[in-house]
């Protein structure tokens, strides 16, 4: 999930046996992110959205409230713009 979504953001990622190599990158591009039903992936990429060139569309974002109900409110207070797809 992490490598797939990082690639969607335009990051050069290499996956090996038990490892993930990420090359430095500038701003992330606006894209569609798949949470794969995991609230942790949705939250991680919502945070990545704070430095994206435009809004990220994150599927499964509603799962975040399972572990952190105020997360969307706190994220919005930081000025993050997300397109939510449930």
PDB file of N, CA and C in Angstrom:
ATOM      1  N   UNK A   1       0.830  -1.191   0.000  1.00  0.00           N
ATOM      2  CA  UNK A   1       0.000   0.000   0.000  1.00  0.00           C
ATOM      3  C   UNK A   1       0.876   1.257   0.000  1.00  0.00           C
ATOM      4  N   UNK A   2       1.935   1.237   0.794  1.00  0.00           N
ATOM      5  CA  UNK A   2       2.800   2.412   0.884  1.00  0.00           C
ATOM      6  C   UNK A   2       3.525   2.668  -0.427  1.00  0.00           C
ATOM      7  N   UNK A   3       4.141   1.641  -0.995  1.00  0.00           N
ATOM      8  CA  UNK A   3       4.894   1.851  -2.235  1.00  0.00           C
ATOM      9  C   UNK A   3       3.969   2.231  -3.385  1.00  0.00           C
ATOM     10  N   UNK A   4       2.811   1.631  -3.466  1.00  0.00           N
ATOM     11  CA  UNK A   4       1.851   1.959  -4.536  1.00  0.00           C
ATOM     12  C   UNK A   4       1.452   3.422  -4.444  1.00  0.00           C
ATOM     13  N   UNK A   5       1.099   3.862  -3.256  1.00  0.00           N
ATOM     14  CA  UNK A   5       0.648   5.240  -3.093  1.00  0.00           C
ATOM     15  C   UNK A   5       1.786   6.246  -3.231  1.00  0.00           C
ATOM     16  N   UNK A   6       2.975   5.909  -2.761  1.00  0.00           N
ATOM     17  CA  UNK A   6       4.109   6.812  -2.970  1.00  0.00           C
ATOM     18  C   UNK A   6       4.381   6.990  -4.463  1.00  0.00           C
ATOM     19  N   UNK A   7       4.294   5.915  -5.214  1.00  0.00           N
ATOM     20  CA  UNK A   7       4.489   6.021  -6.675  1.00  0.00           C
ATOM     21  C   UNK A   7       3.423   6.917  -7.292  1.00  0.00           C
ATOM     22  N   UNK A   8       2.189   6.816  -6.808  1.00  0.00           N
ATOM     23  CA  UNK A   8       1.118   7.679  -7.312  1.00  0.00           C
ATOM     24  C   UNK A   8       1.409   9.146  -7.032  1.00  0.00           C
ATOM     25  N   UNK A   9       2.130   9.401  -5.931  1.00  0.00           N
ATOM     26  CA  UNK A   9       2.514  10.772  -5.593  1.00  0.00           C
ATOM     27  C   UNK A   9       3.698  11.258  -6.426  1.00  0.00           C
ATOM     28  N   UNK A  10       4.309  10.355  -7.198  1.00  0.00           N
ATOM     29  CA  UNK A  10       5.437  10.713  -8.040  1.00  0.00           C
ATOM     30  C   UNK A  10       6.786  10.421  -7.427  1.00  0.00           C
ATOM     31  N   UNK A  11       6.812   9.619  -6.387  1.00  0.00           N
ATOM     32  CA  UNK A  11       8.052   9.299  -5.681  1.00  0.00           C
ATOM     33  C   UNK A  11       8.709   8.066  -6.301  1.00  0.00           C
ATOM     34  N   UNK A  12      10.030   8.097  -6.405  1.00  0.00           N
ATOM     35  CA  UNK A  12      10.798   6.960  -6.900  1.00  0.00           C
ATOM     36  C   UNK A  12      10.998   5.983  -5.743  1.00  0.00           C
ATOM     37  N   UNK A  13      10.348   4.827  -5.844  1.00  0.00           N
ATOM     38  CA  UNK A  13      10.356   3.832  -4.773  1.00  0.00           C
ATOM     39  C   UNK A  13      10.859   2.500  -5.321  1.00  0.00           C
ATOM     40  N   UNK A  14      11.712   1.841  -4.533  1.00  0.00           N
ATOM     41  CA  UNK A  14      12.189   0.508  -4.896  1.00  0.00           C
ATOM     42  C   UNK A  14      11.837  -0.434  -3.754  1.00  0.00           C
ATOM     43  N   UNK A  15      11.173  -1.532  -4.111  1.00  0.00           N
ATOM     44  CA  UNK A  15      10.779  -2.528  -3.116  1.00  0.00           C
ATOM     45  C   UNK A  15      11.677  -3.741  -3.261  1.00  0.00           C
ATOM     46  N   UNK A  16      12.278  -4.166  -2.154  1.00  0.00           N
ATOM     47  CA  UNK A  16      13.134  -5.345  -2.148  1.00  0.00           C
ATOM     48  C   UNK A  16      12.683  -6.301  -1.065  1.00  0.00           C
ATOM     49  N   UNK A  17      13.453  -7.327  -0.849  1.00  0.00           N
ATOM     50  CA  UNK A  17      13.126  -8.297   0.198  1.00  0.00           C
ATOM     51  C   UNK A  17      13.157  -7.625   1.564  1.00  0.00           C
ATOM     52  N   UNK A  18      11.986  -7.412   2.127  1.00  0.00           N
ATOM     53  CA  UNK A  18      11.898  -6.832   3.456  1.00  0.00           C
ATOM     54  C   UNK A  18      12.354  -5.391   3.569  1.00  0.00           C
ATOM     55  N   UNK A  19      12.459  -4.688   2.441  1.00  0.00           N
ATOM     56  CA  UNK A  19      12.898  -3.295   2.516  1.00  0.00           C
ATOM     57  C   UNK A  19      12.190  -2.429   1.488  1.00  0.00           C
ATOM     58  N   UNK A  20      12.184  -1.150   1.779  1.00  0.00           N
ATOM     59  CA  UNK A  20      11.583  -0.148   0.905  1.00  0.00           C
ATOM     60  C   UNK A  20      12.567   1.009   0.815  1.00  0.00           C
ATOM     61  N   UNK A  21      13.045   1.302  -0.382  1.00  0.00           N
ATOM     62  CA  UNK A  21      13.992   2.393  -0.584  1.00  0.00           C
ATOM     63  C   UNK A  21      13.260   3.539  -1.258  1.00  0.00           C
ATOM     64  N   UNK A  22      13.336   4.709  -0.644  1.00  0.00           N
ATOM     65  CA  UNK A  22      12.653   5.889  -1.158  1.00  0.00           C
ATOM     66  C   UNK A  22      13.705   6.936  -1.474  1.00  0.00           C
ATOM     67  N   UNK A  23      13.718   7.408  -2.732  1.00  0.00           N
ATOM     68  CA  UNK A  23      14.654   8.468  -3.124  1.00  0.00           C
ATOM     69  C   UNK A  23      14.019   9.812  -2.805  1.00  0.00           C
ATOM     70  N   UNK A  24      14.843  10.771  -2.402  1.00  0.00           N
ATOM     71  CA  UNK A  24      14.359  12.109  -2.082  1.00  0.00           C
ATOM     72  C   UNK A  24      13.512  12.687  -3.204  1.00  0.00           C
ATOM     73  N   UNK A  25      12.611  13.554  -2.823  1.00  0.00           N
ATOM     74  CA  UNK A  25      11.652  14.078  -3.782  1.00  0.00           C
ATOM     75  C   UNK A  25      11.214  15.469  -3.341  1.00  0.00           C
ATOM     76  N   UNK A  26      10.761  16.272  -4.279  1.00  0.00           N
ATOM     77  CA  UNK A  26      10.205  17.587  -3.958  1.00  0.00           C
ATOM     78  C   UNK A  26       8.767  17.433  -3.493  1.00  0.00           C
ATOM     79  N   UNK A  27       7.907  18.293  -3.970  1.00  0.00           N
ATOM     80  CA  UNK A  27       6.500  18.237  -3.581  1.00  0.00           C
ATOM     81  C   UNK A  27       5.807  17.058  -4.251  1.00  0.00           C
ATOM     82  N   UNK A  28       4.839  16.504  -3.553  1.00  0.00           N
ATOM     83  CA  UNK A  28       4.048  15.413  -4.112  1.00  0.00           C
ATOM     84  C   UNK A  28       3.027  15.971  -5.090  1.00  0.00           C
ATOM     85  N   UNK A  29       2.715  15.197  -6.115  1.00  0.00           N
ATOM     86  CA  UNK A  29       1.685  15.637  -7.044  1.00  0.00           C
ATOM     87  C   UNK A  29       0.311  15.260  -6.491  1.00  0.00           C
ATOM     88  N   UNK A  30      -0.695  15.996  -6.904  1.00  0.00           N
ATOM     89  CA  UNK A  30      -2.072  15.690  -6.528  1.00  0.00           C
ATOM     90  C   UNK A  30      -2.476  14.400  -7.238  1.00  0.00           C
ATOM     91  N   UNK A  31      -3.121  13.506  -6.530  1.00  0.00           N
ATOM     92  CA  UNK A  31      -3.459  12.210  -7.108  1.00  0.00           C
ATOM     93  C   UNK A  31      -4.540  11.522  -6.297  1.00  0.00           C
ATOM     94  N   UNK A  32      -4.902  10.331  -6.736  1.00  0.00           N
ATOM     95  CA  UNK A  32      -5.837   9.483  -5.997  1.00  0.00           C
ATOM     96  C   UNK A  32      -5.035   8.494  -5.174  1.00  0.00           C
ATOM     97  N   UNK A  33      -5.393   8.370  -3.905  1.00  0.00           N
ATOM     98  CA  UNK A  33      -4.724   7.465  -2.974  1.00  0.00           C
ATOM     99  C   UNK A  33      -5.718   6.394  -2.545  1.00  0.00           C
ATOM    100  N   UNK A  34      -5.259   5.166  -2.457  1.00  0.00           N
ATOM    101  CA  UNK A  34      -6.094   4.065  -1.989  1.00  0.00           C
ATOM    102  C   UNK A  34      -5.625   3.662  -0.595  1.00  0.00           C
ATOM    103  N   UNK A  35      -6.535   3.681   0.362  1.00  0.00           N
ATOM    104  CA  UNK A  35      -6.172   3.311   1.732  1.00  0.00           C
ATOM    105  C   UNK A  35      -6.160   1.799   1.934  1.00  0.00           C
ATOM    106  N   UNK A  36      -6.688   1.066   0.965  1.00  0.00           N
ATOM    107  CA  UNK A  36      -6.788  -0.390   1.073  1.00  0.00           C
ATOM    108  C   UNK A  36      -7.532  -0.789   2.352  1.00  0.00           C
ATOM    109  N   UNK A  37      -8.465   0.083   2.784  1.00  0.00           N
ATOM    110  CA  UNK A  37      -9.272  -0.186   3.961  1.00  0.00           C
ATOM    111  C   UNK A  37      -8.536  -0.034   5.282  1.00  0.00           C
ATOM    112  N   UNK A  38      -7.345   0.543   5.256  1.00  0.00           N
ATOM    113  CA  UNK A  38      -6.520   0.672   6.465  1.00  0.00           C
ATOM    114  C   UNK A  38      -6.468   2.135   6.899  1.00  0.00           C
ATOM    115  N   UNK A  39      -6.989   2.423   8.077  1.00  0.00           N
ATOM    116  CA  UNK A  39      -7.033   3.801   8.560  1.00  0.00           C
ATOM    117  C   UNK A  39      -5.634   4.400   8.720  1.00  0.00           C
ATOM    118  N   UNK A  40      -4.638   3.574   9.004  1.00  0.00           N
ATOM    119  CA  UNK A  40      -3.274   4.084   9.167  1.00  0.00           C
ATOM    120  C   UNK A  40      -2.701   4.585   7.845  1.00  0.00           C
ATOM    121  N   UNK A  41      -3.012   3.859   6.764  1.00  0.00           N
ATOM    122  CA  UNK A  41      -2.562   4.296   5.436  1.00  0.00           C
ATOM    123  C   UNK A  41      -3.273   5.602   5.070  1.00  0.00           C
ATOM    124  N   UNK A  42      -4.573   5.665   5.336  1.00  0.00           N
ATOM    125  CA  UNK A  42      -5.332   6.886   5.039  1.00  0.00           C
ATOM    126  C   UNK A  42      -4.758   8.080   5.796  1.00  0.00           C
ATOM    127  N   UNK A  43      -4.444   7.895   7.081  1.00  0.00           N
ATOM    128  CA  UNK A  43      -3.886   9.001   7.869  1.00  0.00           C
ATOM    129  C   UNK A  43      -2.493   9.389   7.395  1.00  0.00           C
ATOM    130  N   UNK A  44      -1.663   8.412   7.095  1.00  0.00           N
ATOM    131  CA  UNK A  44      -0.296   8.707   6.644  1.00  0.00           C
ATOM    132  C   UNK A  44      -0.309   9.542   5.371  1.00  0.00           C
ATOM    133  N   UNK A  45      -1.177   9.179   4.433  1.00  0.00           N
ATOM    134  CA  UNK A  45      -1.198   9.914   3.169  1.00  0.00           C
ATOM    135  C   UNK A  45      -1.973  11.222   3.279  1.00  0.00           C
ATOM    136  N   UNK A  46      -2.855  11.325   4.253  1.00  0.00           N
ATOM    137  CA  UNK A  46      -3.478  12.624   4.522  1.00  0.00           C
ATOM    138  C   UNK A  46      -2.414  13.602   5.000  1.00  0.00           C
ATOM    139  N   UNK A  47      -1.492  13.123   5.820  1.00  0.00           N
ATOM    140  CA  UNK A  47      -0.377  13.964   6.272  1.00  0.00           C
ATOM    141  C   UNK A  47       0.517  14.321   5.084  1.00  0.00           C
ATOM    142  N   UNK A  48       0.762  13.357   4.203  1.00  0.00           N
ATOM    143  CA  UNK A  48       1.547  13.647   2.992  1.00  0.00           C
ATOM    144  C   UNK A  48       0.866  14.736   2.171  1.00  0.00           C
ATOM    145  N   UNK A  49      -0.450  14.793   2.261  1.00  0.00           N
ATOM    146  CA  UNK A  49      -1.202  15.815   1.536  1.00  0.00           C
ATOM    147  C   UNK A  49      -0.890  17.229   1.980  1.00  0.00           C
ATOM    148  N   UNK A  50      -0.278  17.379   3.149  1.00  0.00           N
ATOM    149  CA  UNK A  50       0.070  18.723   3.618  1.00  0.00           C
ATOM    150  C   UNK A  50       1.163  19.353   2.763  1.00  0.00           C
ATOM    151  N   UNK A  51       1.905  18.552   2.007  1.00  0.00           N
ATOM    152  CA  UNK A  51       2.953  19.086   1.139  1.00  0.00           C
ATOM    153  C   UNK A  51       2.732  18.710  -0.324  1.00  0.00           C
ATOM    154  N   UNK A  52       1.515  18.360  -0.670  1.00  0.00           N
ATOM    155  CA  UNK A  52       1.201  18.012  -2.061  1.00  0.00           C
ATOM    156  C   UNK A  52       0.897  19.278  -2.858  1.00  0.00           C
ATOM    157  N   UNK A  53       1.083  19.195  -4.166  1.00  0.00           N
ATOM    158  CA  UNK A  53       0.826  20.336  -5.049  1.00  0.00           C
ATOM    159  C   UNK A  53      -0.654  20.683  -5.133  1.00  0.00           C
ATOM    160  N   UNK A  54      -1.500  19.743  -4.805  1.00  0.00           N
ATOM    161  CA  UNK A  54      -2.939  19.950  -4.845  1.00  0.00           C
ATOM    162  C   UNK A  54      -3.600  18.937  -3.941  1.00  0.00           C
ATOM    163  N   UNK A  55      -4.927  18.914  -3.929  1.00  0.00           N
ATOM    164  CA  UNK A  55      -5.616  17.997  -3.021  1.00  0.00           C
ATOM    165  C   UNK A  55      -5.434  16.538  -3.407  1.00  0.00           C
ATOM    166  N   UNK A  56      -5.378  15.688  -2.394  1.00  0.00           N
ATOM    167  CA  UNK A  56      -5.337  14.249  -2.609  1.00  0.00           C
ATOM    168  C   UNK A  56      -6.743  13.701  -2.449  1.00  0.00           C
ATOM    169  N   UNK A  57      -7.084  12.722  -3.257  1.00  0.00           N
ATOM    170  CA  UNK A  57      -8.355  12.023  -3.137  1.00  0.00           C
ATOM    171  C   UNK A  57      -8.052  10.686  -2.480  1.00  0.00           C
ATOM    172  N   UNK A  58      -8.534  10.501  -1.254  1.00  0.00           N
ATOM    173  CA  UNK A  58      -8.193   9.312  -0.479  1.00  0.00           C
ATOM    174  C   UNK A  58      -9.425   8.438  -0.291  1.00  0.00           C
ATOM    175  N   UNK A  59      -9.376   7.238  -0.852  1.00  0.00           N
ATOM    176  CA  UNK A  59     -10.484   6.302  -0.647  1.00  0.00           C
ATOM    177  C   UNK A  59     -10.379   5.704   0.749  1.00  0.00           C
ATOM    178  N   UNK A  60     -11.521   5.456   1.372  1.00  0.00           N
ATOM    179  CA  UNK A  60     -11.517   4.857   2.697  1.00  0.00           C
ATOM    180  C   UNK A  60     -11.154   5.804   3.819  1.00  0.00           C
ATOM    181  N   UNK A  61     -11.197   7.107   3.559  1.00  0.00           N
ATOM    182  CA  UNK A  61     -10.827   8.096   4.564  1.00  0.00           C
ATOM    183  C   UNK A  61     -11.724   8.004   5.798  1.00  0.00           C
ATOM    184  N   UNK A  62     -12.946   7.530   5.621  1.00  0.00           N
ATOM    185  CA  UNK A  62     -13.885   7.429   6.738  1.00  0.00           C
ATOM    186  C   UNK A  62     -13.415   6.452   7.814  1.00  0.00           C
ATOM    187  N   UNK A  63     -12.534   5.537   7.476  1.00  0.00           N
ATOM    188  CA  UNK A  63     -12.012   4.563   8.434  1.00  0.00           C
ATOM    189  C   UNK A  63     -11.152   5.219   9.519  1.00  0.00           C
ATOM    190  N   UNK A  64     -10.674   6.419   9.252  1.00  0.00           N
ATOM    191  CA  UNK A  64      -9.812   7.132  10.193  1.00  0.00           C
ATOM    192  C   UNK A  64     -10.513   7.343  11.531  1.00  0.00           C
ATOM    193  N   UNK A  65     -11.803   7.598  11.481  1.00  0.00           N
ATOM    194  CA  UNK A  65     -12.520   7.885  12.721  1.00  0.00           C
ATOM    195  C   UNK A  65     -12.595   6.673  13.649  1.00  0.00           C
ATOM    196  N   UNK A  66     -12.251   5.478  13.151  1.00  0.00           N
ATOM    197  CA  UNK A  66     -12.204   4.292  14.005  1.00  0.00           C
ATOM    198  C   UNK A  66     -11.163   4.452  15.115  1.00  0.00           C
ATOM    199  N   UNK A  67     -10.061   5.108  14.806  1.00  0.00           N
ATOM    200  CA  UNK A  67      -8.991   5.231  15.791  1.00  0.00           C
ATOM    201  C   UNK A  67      -8.725   6.673  16.246  1.00  0.00           C
ATOM    202  N   UNK A  68      -9.161   7.656  15.453  1.00  0.00           N
ATOM    203  CA  UNK A  68      -8.858   9.056  15.773  1.00  0.00           C
ATOM    204  C   UNK A  68     -10.011   9.916  15.255  1.00  0.00           C
ATOM    205  N   UNK A  69     -11.126   9.952  15.981  1.00  0.00           N
ATOM    206  CA  UNK A  69     -12.321  10.653  15.506  1.00  0.00           C
ATOM    207  C   UNK A  69     -12.103  12.130  15.152  1.00  0.00           C
ATOM    208  N   UNK A  70     -11.187  12.819  15.829  1.00  0.00           N
ATOM    209  CA  UNK A  70     -10.961  14.241  15.559  1.00  0.00           C
ATOM    210  C   UNK A  70      -9.942  14.499  14.448  1.00  0.00           C
ATOM    211  N   UNK A  71      -9.381  13.456  13.879  1.00  0.00           N
ATOM    212  CA  UNK A  71      -8.334  13.623  12.868  1.00  0.00           C
ATOM    213  C   UNK A  71      -8.775  14.544  11.726  1.00  0.00           C
ATOM    214  N   UNK A  72      -9.957  14.337  11.113  1.00  0.00           N
ATOM    215  CA  UNK A  72     -10.354  15.235  10.011  1.00  0.00           C
ATOM    216  C   UNK A  72     -10.447  16.695  10.450  1.00  0.00           C
ATOM    217  N   UNK A  73     -10.911  16.936  11.662  1.00  0.00           N
ATOM    218  CA  UNK A  73     -11.021  18.311  12.171  1.00  0.00           C
ATOM    219  C   UNK A  73      -9.630  18.903  12.366  1.00  0.00           C
ATOM    220  N   UNK A  74      -8.735  18.130  12.948  1.00  0.00           N
ATOM    221  CA  UNK A  74      -7.371  18.615  13.175  1.00  0.00           C
ATOM    222  C   UNK A  74      -6.648  18.855  11.846  1.00  0.00           C
ATOM    223  N   UNK A  75      -6.868  17.975  10.890  1.00  0.00           N
ATOM    224  CA  UNK A  75      -6.237  18.124   9.581  1.00  0.00           C
ATOM    225  C   UNK A  75      -6.748  19.386   8.891  1.00  0.00           C
ATOM    226  N   UNK A  76      -8.040  19.599   8.953  1.00  0.00           N
ATOM    227  CA  UNK A  76      -8.639  20.793   8.337  1.00  0.00           C
ATOM    228  C   UNK A  76      -8.087  22.063   8.981  1.00  0.00           C
ATOM    229  N   UNK A  77      -7.834  22.017  10.286  1.00  0.00           N
ATOM    230  CA  UNK A  77      -7.292  23.189  10.963  1.00  0.00           C
ATOM    231  C   UNK A  77      -5.885  23.550  10.470  1.00  0.00           C
ATOM    232  N   UNK A  78      -5.207  22.573   9.846  1.00  0.00           N
ATOM    233  CA  UNK A  78      -3.880  22.815   9.258  1.00  0.00           C
ATOM    234  C   UNK A  78      -3.976  23.339   7.832  1.00  0.00           C
ATOM    235  N   UNK A  79      -5.200  23.418   7.304  1.00  0.00           N
ATOM    236  CA  UNK A  79      -5.403  23.926   5.958  1.00  0.00           C
ATOM    237  C   UNK A  79      -5.249  22.878   4.867  1.00  0.00           C
ATOM    238  N   UNK A  80      -5.286  21.606   5.248  1.00  0.00           N
ATOM    239  CA  UNK A  80      -5.151  20.534   4.265  1.00  0.00           C
ATOM    240  C   UNK A  80      -6.461  20.355   3.515  1.00  0.00           C
ATOM    241  N   UNK A  81      -6.373  20.297   2.192  1.00  0.00           N
ATOM    242  CA  UNK A  81      -7.558  20.108   1.366  1.00  0.00           C
ATOM    243  C   UNK A  81      -7.530  18.691   0.791  1.00  0.00           C
ATOM    244  N   UNK A  82      -8.549  17.911   1.123  1.00  0.00           N
ATOM    245  CA  UNK A  82      -8.646  16.543   0.652  1.00  0.00           C
ATOM    246  C   UNK A  82      -9.988  16.298  -0.006  1.00  0.00           C
ATOM    247  N   UNK A  83      -9.987  15.446  -0.999  1.00  0.00           N
ATOM    248  CA  UNK A  83     -11.214  14.950  -1.592  1.00  0.00           C
ATOM    249  C   UNK A  83     -11.441  13.595  -0.958  1.00  0.00           C
ATOM    250  N   UNK A  84     -12.535  13.423  -0.253  1.00  0.00           N
ATOM    251  CA  UNK A  84     -12.802  12.179   0.462  1.00  0.00           C
ATOM    252  C   UNK A  84     -13.701  11.273  -0.372  1.00  0.00           C
ATOM    253  N   UNK A  85     -13.255  10.048  -0.578  1.00  0.00           N
ATOM    254  CA  UNK A  85     -14.027   9.038  -1.293  1.00  0.00           C
ATOM    255  C   UNK A  85     -14.177   7.863  -0.353  1.00  0.00           C
ATOM    256  N   UNK A  86     -15.399   7.515  -0.033  1.00  0.00           N
ATOM    257  CA  UNK A  86     -15.620   6.407   0.896  1.00  0.00           C
ATOM    258  C   UNK A  86     -16.113   5.173   0.192  1.00  0.00           C
TER     259      UNK A  86
END
